């Protein structure tokens, strides 16, 4: 259910009131960020022509990546490829004026480097099938992705900015975790270094959005709490609509790159703690209701995490008995 909110403040009012927070966070980001060049993270000496230029087309035996690493790299790259979808959501719900407009442009430019470097790495090292990768990119980008929950006609769209910024607060951190673990899974120090660099960007982006939400909680606590609950309880990774996502997500979870326990312990709970969701005393009746709903949802999620870990442990034990894993 999408919350029904009545507030004297409009979406435009909120952006204006949050402008000092945005300005502060932009300044902090520009102080902390480090520009880098995608070409510096790609082993160009490994490259060679494909058949169209007289070389040899891709063959599965050319890849040194495991199936898990392939699934993670493809999923992460296609996620980054869909940047135009995310740009639209942010641009439509922020302002293109003042510090808001600067951030939209700067964030988009920084995110673009991620898909550039990852694609160059995969093509040069022949880590995955480039033809299948391009077909998947075309399909995924054509469909796009909207992180906001389905509209049931009750949401006040003047506050969609809160839903957008709450979503990316969790999503940027989730992407950081996924990139970092993917780098380790590749078994290649070059890939690991590359994805450490990408993950560092994602962490700084998360800080910007998380701190904007913190400012919104101080200004409109009930409206922001409703947005946080709605996003957490309906959260989907931005790759959910891409081809083969379910298969790849299973491999990624089994490989410990990104799974439900990590989503809860490394993403959801740390962000909620930073916002002091369960210790604040400034919620009205509506905000309190959504905080209670969030607490109930997290309890249910904790049960699912326990079941997931028990199931994974049983699967590992079966694999050991079959001799597929060391005892």
Protein backbone atom coordinates (compact mmCIF):
# COMPACT_ATOMS: atom_id res chain seq x y z
CA UNK A 1 0.00 0.00 0.00
CA UNK A 2 1.31 3.43 -0.91
CA UNK A 3 0.94 5.96 1.91
CA UNK A 4 -1.55 8.78 1.80
CA UNK A 5 0.18 11.92 3.04
CA UNK A 6 -1.21 15.30 3.87
CA UNK A 7 1.39 18.03 4.33
CA UNK A 8 1.44 21.80 4.23
CA UNK A 9 4.81 21.57 2.47
CA UNK A 10 4.93 20.89 -1.27
CA UNK A 11 7.65 19.05 -3.17
CA UNK A 12 9.04 22.37 -4.41
CA UNK A 13 9.09 23.68 -0.85
CA UNK A 14 11.00 20.61 0.26
CA UNK A 15 13.65 20.99 -2.44
CA UNK A 16 14.09 24.62 -1.49
CA UNK A 17 14.37 23.82 2.22
CA UNK A 18 16.85 21.02 1.50
CA UNK A 19 19.03 23.17 -0.77
CA UNK A 20 21.52 24.01 2.04
CA UNK A 21 21.89 20.27 2.71
CA UNK A 22 22.45 19.63 -0.99
CA UNK A 23 25.04 22.41 -1.20
CA UNK A 24 26.88 21.07 1.83
CA UNK A 25 26.88 17.53 0.46
CA UNK A 26 28.05 18.63 -2.98
CA UNK A 27 30.96 20.48 -1.38
CA UNK A 28 31.80 17.47 0.77
CA UNK A 29 31.65 15.17 -2.24
CA UNK A 30 33.89 17.37 -4.38
CA UNK A 31 36.41 17.49 -1.54
CA UNK A 32 36.43 13.71 -1.07
CA UNK A 33 36.06 12.38 -4.62
CA UNK A 34 39.01 11.59 -6.87
CA UNK A 35 38.87 11.81 -10.65
CA UNK A 36 40.16 8.76 -12.45
CA UNK A 37 40.52 7.48 -16.00
CA UNK A 38 38.82 4.24 -17.09
CA UNK A 39 41.62 3.43 -19.54
CA UNK A 40 44.08 3.17 -16.62
CA UNK A 41 42.27 0.08 -15.28
CA UNK A 42 42.15 -2.00 -18.48
CA UNK A 43 44.91 -4.46 -19.57
CA UNK A 44 45.04 -3.29 -23.18
CA UNK A 45 47.93 -5.65 -24.05
CA UNK A 46 45.46 -8.54 -23.69
CA UNK A 47 43.31 -7.20 -26.54
CA UNK A 48 43.05 -8.48 -30.10
CA UNK A 49 40.77 -8.07 -33.09
CA UNK A 50 37.52 -9.89 -33.56
CA UNK A 51 36.52 -11.58 -36.84
CA UNK A 52 35.11 -8.37 -38.40
CA UNK A 53 38.67 -7.01 -38.49
CA UNK A 54 40.37 -10.27 -39.40
CA UNK A 55 40.75 -11.67 -35.90
CA UNK A 56 38.95 -14.40 -33.98
CA UNK A 57 35.50 -14.10 -32.44
CA UNK A 58 34.78 -14.92 -28.81
CA UNK A 59 34.90 -18.49 -27.56
CA UNK A 60 33.93 -19.61 -24.03
CA UNK A 61 37.37 -21.11 -23.48
CA UNK A 62 38.93 -17.66 -23.81
CA UNK A 63 37.38 -16.54 -20.54
CA UNK A 64 39.24 -17.02 -17.27
CA UNK A 65 36.22 -16.06 -15.18
CA UNK A 66 34.14 -18.54 -13.21
CA UNK A 67 30.43 -18.83 -13.93
CA UNK A 68 29.73 -16.90 -10.74
CA UNK A 69 32.12 -14.11 -11.69
CA UNK A 70 30.64 -13.94 -15.20
CA UNK A 71 27.11 -13.66 -13.80
CA UNK A 72 28.19 -10.93 -11.39
CA UNK A 73 30.15 -8.94 -13.97
CA UNK A 74 27.30 -9.07 -16.49
CA UNK A 75 24.71 -8.11 -13.90
CA UNK A 76 26.81 -5.26 -12.52
CA UNK A 77 27.68 -3.93 -15.98
CA UNK A 78 24.11 -4.02 -17.29
CA UNK A 79 23.05 -2.27 -14.10
CA UNK A 80 25.54 0.51 -14.79
CA UNK A 81 24.52 0.59 -18.47
CA UNK A 82 20.98 1.56 -17.55
CA UNK A 83 22.18 4.95 -16.27
CA UNK A 84 19.75 6.92 -18.50
CA UNK A 85 16.82 5.40 -16.57
CA UNK A 86 18.28 6.44 -13.23
CA UNK A 87 19.21 9.88 -14.58
CA UNK A 88 15.59 10.43 -15.63
CA UNK A 89 14.27 9.54 -12.19
CA UNK A 90 16.75 11.78 -10.39
CA UNK A 91 16.42 14.68 -12.84
CA UNK A 92 12.62 14.54 -12.77
CA UNK A 93 12.45 14.50 -8.98
CA UNK A 94 15.28 16.90 -8.21
CA UNK A 95 15.77 20.31 -9.74
CA UNK A 96 18.21 21.11 -12.53
CA UNK A 97 18.88 24.47 -10.89
CA UNK A 98 21.43 25.42 -8.24
CA UNK A 99 23.33 22.68 -6.42
CA UNK A 100 20.65 20.12 -7.30
CA UNK A 101 21.36 20.52 -11.00
CA UNK A 102 25.11 20.36 -10.47
CA UNK A 103 24.74 17.11 -8.53
CA UNK A 104 22.52 15.49 -11.16
CA UNK A 105 25.13 16.21 -13.83
CA UNK A 106 28.15 15.30 -11.73
CA UNK A 107 26.64 12.07 -10.43
CA UNK A 108 25.63 11.02 -13.95
CA UNK A 109 29.12 11.72 -15.30
CA UNK A 110 30.79 9.75 -12.52
CA UNK A 111 28.43 6.79 -12.93
CA UNK A 112 29.12 6.66 -16.67
CA UNK A 113 32.76 5.81 -16.00
CA UNK A 114 31.67 2.57 -14.34
CA UNK A 115 30.08 1.09 -17.45
CA UNK A 116 32.97 2.34 -19.62
CA UNK A 117 35.68 0.65 -17.58
CA UNK A 118 33.79 -2.59 -16.96
CA UNK A 119 32.87 -3.07 -20.61
CA UNK A 120 36.38 -2.29 -21.80
CA UNK A 121 37.78 -4.81 -19.32
CA UNK A 122 35.37 -7.57 -20.33
CA UNK A 123 35.88 -7.04 -24.08
CA UNK A 124 39.67 -6.78 -23.90
CA UNK A 125 40.05 -9.83 -21.64
CA UNK A 126 37.25 -11.73 -23.44
CA UNK A 127 35.68 -12.43 -20.08
CA UNK A 128 32.15 -12.81 -21.47
CA UNK A 129 30.48 -13.13 -24.88
CA UNK A 130 30.46 -9.55 -26.24
CA UNK A 131 27.64 -10.28 -28.72
CA UNK A 132 25.33 -11.64 -26.01
CA UNK A 133 26.36 -8.76 -23.75
CA UNK A 134 25.39 -6.18 -26.37
CA UNK A 135 22.05 -7.89 -27.04
CA UNK A 136 21.30 -7.87 -23.31
CA UNK A 137 22.28 -4.20 -23.06
CA UNK A 138 19.91 -3.28 -25.86
CA UNK A 139 17.04 -5.19 -24.28
CA UNK A 140 17.67 -3.88 -20.77
CA UNK A 141 18.05 -0.24 -21.74
CA UNK A 142 15.04 -0.33 -24.04
CA UNK A 143 12.88 -1.56 -21.16
CA UNK A 144 14.45 0.80 -18.63
CA UNK A 145 13.96 0.64 -14.88
CA UNK A 146 11.90 2.71 -12.49
CA UNK A 147 12.91 2.25 -8.83
CA UNK A 148 9.78 3.89 -7.46
CA UNK A 149 7.02 1.51 -6.30
CA UNK A 150 3.94 1.02 -8.44
CA UNK A 151 1.49 3.88 -8.09
CA UNK A 152 -1.89 2.74 -6.78
CA UNK A 153 -3.35 6.19 -7.14
CA UNK A 154 -2.83 7.19 -3.52
CA UNK A 155 0.72 8.56 -3.49
CA UNK A 156 1.24 12.31 -3.51
CA UNK A 157 3.64 12.62 -6.43
CA UNK A 158 4.90 15.96 -5.21
CA UNK A 159 6.90 13.91 -2.72
CA UNK A 160 8.32 11.37 -5.18
CA UNK A 161 11.69 13.01 -4.52
CA UNK A 162 11.67 11.35 -1.08
CA UNK A 163 11.08 7.92 -2.59
CA UNK A 164 13.80 8.43 -5.19
CA UNK A 165 16.42 9.60 -2.72
CA UNK A 166 15.51 6.89 -0.19
CA UNK A 167 15.88 4.25 -2.91
CA UNK A 168 19.33 5.35 -4.02
CA UNK A 169 20.52 5.57 -0.40
CA UNK A 170 20.13 1.80 -0.19
CA UNK A 171 20.87 1.00 -3.83
CA UNK A 172 24.22 2.79 -3.97
CA UNK A 173 25.41 0.92 -0.90
CA UNK A 174 24.11 -2.38 -2.29
CA UNK A 175 26.00 -1.74 -5.52
CA UNK A 176 29.16 -0.95 -3.59
CA UNK A 177 28.95 -4.30 -1.79
CA UNK A 178 28.27 -6.16 -5.03
CA UNK A 179 31.13 -4.53 -6.95
CA UNK A 180 33.59 -5.10 -4.14
CA UNK A 181 32.75 -8.78 -3.81
CA UNK A 182 32.69 -9.26 -7.58
CA UNK A 183 36.24 -7.95 -7.79
CA UNK A 184 37.36 -10.60 -5.33
CA UNK A 185 35.44 -13.33 -7.16
CA UNK A 186 37.14 -12.59 -10.49
CA UNK A 187 40.47 -13.95 -9.27
CA UNK A 188 42.28 -11.21 -11.19
CA UNK A 189 44.12 -8.40 -9.38
CA UNK A 190 43.36 -6.02 -12.25
CA UNK A 191 39.61 -6.65 -12.01
CA UNK A 192 39.81 -6.39 -8.23
CA UNK A 193 41.57 -3.03 -8.41
CA UNK A 194 39.11 -1.77 -11.02
CA UNK A 195 36.04 -2.71 -9.00
CA UNK A 196 37.54 -1.31 -5.80
CA UNK A 197 37.70 2.01 -7.64
CA UNK A 198 34.08 1.70 -8.78
CA UNK A 199 32.94 0.68 -5.29
CA UNK A 200 34.64 3.74 -3.80
CA UNK A 201 32.56 5.96 -6.08
CA UNK A 202 29.37 4.18 -5.08
CA UNK A 203 30.14 4.73 -1.42
CA UNK A 204 30.53 8.48 -1.90
CA UNK A 205 27.28 8.59 -3.85
CA UNK A 206 25.55 6.72 -1.06
CA UNK A 207 26.79 9.28 1.47
CA UNK A 208 25.27 12.13 -0.54
CA UNK A 209 21.84 10.54 -0.80
CA UNK A 210 21.83 9.18 2.74
CA UNK A 211 22.62 12.63 4.13
CA UNK A 212 19.91 14.27 2.03
CA UNK A 213 17.40 11.80 3.49
CA UNK A 214 18.69 12.67 6.97
CA UNK A 215 17.93 16.31 6.21
CA UNK A 216 14.46 15.39 4.97
CA UNK A 217 13.79 13.43 8.16
CA UNK A 218 14.43 16.60 10.15
CA UNK A 219 12.11 18.65 7.95
CA UNK A 220 9.24 16.26 7.17
CA UNK A 221 9.74 13.19 9.38
CA UNK A 222 6.38 11.54 8.71
CA UNK A 223 6.55 11.89 4.92
CA UNK A 224 10.15 10.66 4.86
CA UNK A 225 9.38 7.72 7.13
CA UNK A 226 6.57 6.67 4.81
CA UNK A 227 8.97 6.79 1.86
CA UNK A 228 11.64 4.78 3.70
CA UNK A 229 9.18 2.06 4.68
CA UNK A 230 7.77 1.85 1.16
CA UNK A 231 11.23 1.58 -0.42
CA UNK A 232 12.60 -0.98 2.05
CA UNK A 233 9.52 -3.19 1.85
CA UNK A 234 9.41 -3.08 -1.97
CA UNK A 235 13.14 -2.93 -2.72
CA UNK A 236 14.41 -4.38 -5.96
CA UNK A 237 17.93 -4.22 -7.31
CA UNK A 238 18.12 -2.09 -10.48
CA UNK A 239 18.99 -5.18 -12.49
CA UNK A 240 15.68 -6.90 -11.72
CA UNK A 241 14.32 -6.27 -15.21
CA UNK A 242 17.39 -7.41 -17.16
CA UNK A 243 17.59 -10.67 -19.15
CA UNK A 244 18.53 -13.76 -17.09
CA UNK A 245 18.43 -11.77 -13.87
CA UNK A 246 16.90 -14.57 -11.80
CA UNK A 247 19.52 -17.11 -12.91
CA UNK A 248 22.37 -14.69 -12.36
CA UNK A 249 21.00 -13.56 -8.99
CA UNK A 250 20.98 -17.18 -7.78
CA UNK A 251 24.62 -17.66 -8.84
CA UNK A 252 25.56 -14.34 -7.23
CA UNK A 253 23.83 -15.28 -3.98
CA UNK A 254 25.32 -18.78 -3.89
CA UNK A 255 28.74 -17.28 -4.53
CA UNK A 256 28.41 -14.91 -1.58
CA UNK A 257 28.66 -11.82 -3.79
CA UNK A 258 25.27 -10.39 -2.84
CA UNK A 259 22.56 -12.21 -0.95
CA UNK A 260 19.69 -11.59 1.45
CA UNK A 261 21.83 -11.71 4.63
CA UNK A 262 24.20 -9.11 3.15
CA UNK A 263 21.29 -6.96 2.03
CA UNK A 264 19.95 -6.86 5.57
CA UNK A 265 23.17 -6.65 7.59
CA UNK A 266 25.41 -4.62 5.25
CA UNK A 267 22.89 -2.33 3.57
CA UNK A 268 19.47 -1.92 5.19
CA UNK A 269 20.34 -1.94 8.88
CA UNK A 270 23.43 0.33 8.72
CA UNK A 271 21.50 3.00 6.81
CA UNK A 272 18.52 2.82 9.16
CA UNK A 273 20.86 3.13 12.15
CA UNK A 274 22.51 6.19 10.64
CA UNK A 275 19.09 7.80 10.31
CA UNK A 276 18.23 6.80 13.93
CA UNK A 277 14.93 5.43 12.69
CA UNK A 278 14.15 3.49 15.86
CA UNK A 279 15.37 6.11 18.33
CA UNK A 280 13.83 9.29 16.91
CA UNK A 281 11.11 11.04 18.88
CA UNK A 282 9.85 13.45 16.21
CA UNK A 283 7.40 11.21 14.35
CA UNK A 284 3.71 12.00 14.39
CA UNK A 285 1.02 9.30 14.25
CA UNK A 286 1.60 8.59 10.55
CA UNK A 287 5.36 8.33 10.89
CA UNK A 288 5.02 6.15 13.96
CA UNK A 289 2.67 3.84 12.07
CA UNK A 290 5.17 3.39 9.24
CA UNK A 291 8.03 2.90 11.69
CA UNK A 292 6.05 0.09 13.33
CA UNK A 293 5.34 -1.44 9.94
CA UNK A 294 9.04 -1.24 9.12
CA UNK A 295 9.92 -3.00 12.37
CA UNK A 296 7.48 -5.79 11.50
CA UNK A 297 8.91 -6.08 8.00
CA UNK A 298 12.46 -6.33 9.34
CA UNK A 299 11.40 -9.10 11.72
CA UNK A 300 9.97 -11.04 8.79
CA UNK A 301 13.13 -10.37 6.80
CA UNK A 302 15.27 -11.68 9.65
CA UNK A 303 13.31 -14.95 9.56
CA UNK A 304 13.93 -15.22 5.81
CA UNK A 305 17.64 -14.59 6.37
CA UNK A 306 17.80 -17.44 8.89
CA UNK A 307 16.05 -19.79 6.47
CA UNK A 308 18.36 -18.72 3.64
CA UNK A 309 21.48 -19.37 5.70
CA UNK A 310 20.19 -22.76 6.85
CA UNK A 311 19.38 -23.72 3.26
CA UNK A 312 22.80 -22.62 2.04
CA UNK A 313 24.52 -24.57 4.80
CA UNK A 314 22.63 -27.72 3.82
CA UNK A 315 23.62 -27.20 0.18
CA UNK A 316 27.28 -26.79 1.16
CA UNK A 317 27.18 -29.96 3.24
CA UNK A 318 25.69 -31.90 0.31
CA UNK A 319 28.43 -30.55 -1.97
CA UNK A 320 31.11 -31.64 0.51
CA UNK A 321 29.66 -35.14 0.71
CA UNK A 322 29.79 -35.34 -3.08
CA UNK A 323 33.42 -34.27 -3.00
CA UNK A 324 32.71 -30.98 -4.79
CA UNK A 325 34.10 -28.92 -1.89
CA UNK A 326 36.93 -29.51 0.60
CA UNK A 327 35.84 -30.98 3.92
